[in-house]
Amino acid sequence: MNETLAQFYTRDLYKLIDEVKAFRDEVNLWKTAGSIRNTSGNLVLHLIGGSNYLFGTVLAHTGYVRDRERNSPKTESPKKN
């Protein structure tokens, strides 16, 4: 079962990477449009934070502590911050 779950997480992580790469201009990751009130970039930050927590804290007991401030809404790329 662990191997199956690892395959699912790996598959979905690569799908997420492909979706992020589909943004030709990184600034668009941090823009909203129409009724969408959260940016794609923020969604990615939340997914990464949740995954780090799951794998680091829950499964591997590494002592990882989630920094929710880093997952808070942003208006520009973290590379610029």
Protein backbone atom coordinates (compact mmCIF):
# COMPACT_ATOMS: atom_id res chain seq x y z
CA MET A 1 0.00 0.00 0.00
CA ASN A 2 2.85 2.43 0.80
CA GLU A 3 4.30 1.91 -2.67
CA THR A 4 0.92 2.62 -4.26
CA LEU A 5 0.49 5.82 -2.25
CA ALA A 6 4.02 6.90 -3.14
CA GLN A 7 3.22 6.37 -6.83
CA PHE A 8 0.06 8.49 -6.52
CA TYR A 9 1.90 11.32 -4.75
CA THR A 10 4.74 11.21 -7.27
CA ARG A 11 2.31 11.23 -10.20
CA ASP A 12 0.34 14.15 -8.79
CA LEU A 13 3.45 16.13 -7.89
CA TYR A 14 4.63 15.89 -11.49
CA LYS A 15 1.18 16.97 -12.67
CA LEU A 16 1.37 20.00 -10.37
CA ILE A 17 4.82 20.85 -11.75
CA ASP A 18 3.45 20.62 -15.31
CA GLU A 19 0.56 22.93 -14.40
CA VAL A 20 2.92 25.50 -12.92
CA LYS A 21 5.20 25.31 -15.97
CA ALA A 22 2.15 25.98 -18.19
CA PHE A 23 2.19 29.57 -16.92
CA ARG A 24 4.38 31.26 -19.51
CA ASP A 25 4.88 34.29 -17.31
CA GLU A 26 5.46 33.59 -13.61
CA VAL A 27 3.68 36.81 -12.61
CA ASN A 28 0.42 35.20 -13.78
CA LEU A 29 0.69 32.62 -10.99
CA TRP A 30 -0.06 35.49 -8.60
CA LYS A 31 -3.02 37.04 -10.42
CA THR A 32 -6.73 36.39 -9.94
CA ALA A 33 -9.36 36.57 -12.66
CA GLY A 34 -13.14 36.89 -12.58
CA SER A 35 -14.71 35.20 -9.59
CA ILE A 36 -11.49 33.35 -8.70
CA ARG A 37 -10.30 34.97 -5.47
CA ASN A 38 -7.20 32.91 -4.72
CA THR A 39 -4.16 32.74 -6.97
CA SER A 40 -2.67 29.60 -8.45
CA GLY A 41 0.57 30.46 -6.71
CA ASN A 42 -1.15 30.47 -3.32
CA LEU A 43 -2.73 27.11 -4.07
CA VAL A 44 0.71 25.71 -4.86
CA LEU A 45 2.10 27.13 -1.60
CA HIS A 46 -0.72 25.49 0.37
CA LEU A 47 -0.21 22.15 -1.38
CA ILE A 48 3.53 22.21 -0.73
CA GLY A 49 3.02 23.23 2.91
CA GLY A 50 0.47 20.47 3.45
CA SER A 51 2.67 17.89 1.75
CA ASN A 52 5.71 18.92 3.78
CA TYR A 53 3.65 18.63 6.94
CA LEU A 54 2.27 15.20 5.98
CA PHE A 55 5.59 13.71 4.96
CA GLY A 56 7.83 15.53 7.43
CA THR A 57 5.76 15.68 10.60
CA VAL A 58 3.20 12.92 10.35
CA LEU A 59 5.00 10.17 8.45
CA ALA A 60 8.74 10.73 8.95
CA HIS A 61 8.66 12.48 12.34
CA THR A 62 11.41 14.88 11.22
CA GLY A 63 10.31 17.71 13.50
CA TYR A 64 9.12 19.78 10.54
CA VAL A 65 6.90 22.64 11.71
CA ARG A 66 4.59 24.18 9.14
CA ASP A 67 5.06 27.91 8.64
CA ARG A 68 1.58 29.08 7.73
CA GLU A 69 2.79 32.64 7.29
CA ARG A 70 4.73 31.48 4.22
CA ASN A 71 1.44 30.08 2.88
CA SER A 72 -0.47 33.30 3.40
CA PRO A 73 -1.88 35.20 0.42
CA LYS A 74 0.76 36.87 -1.69
CA THR A 75 0.45 39.34 -4.49
CA GLU A 76 3.75 38.64 -6.22
CA SER A 77 6.23 35.87 -6.77
CA PRO A 78 8.15 34.64 -3.70
CA LYS A 79 11.30 35.08 -5.82
CA LYS A 80 10.71 38.84 -5.57
CA ASN A 81 10.10 38.79 -1.80
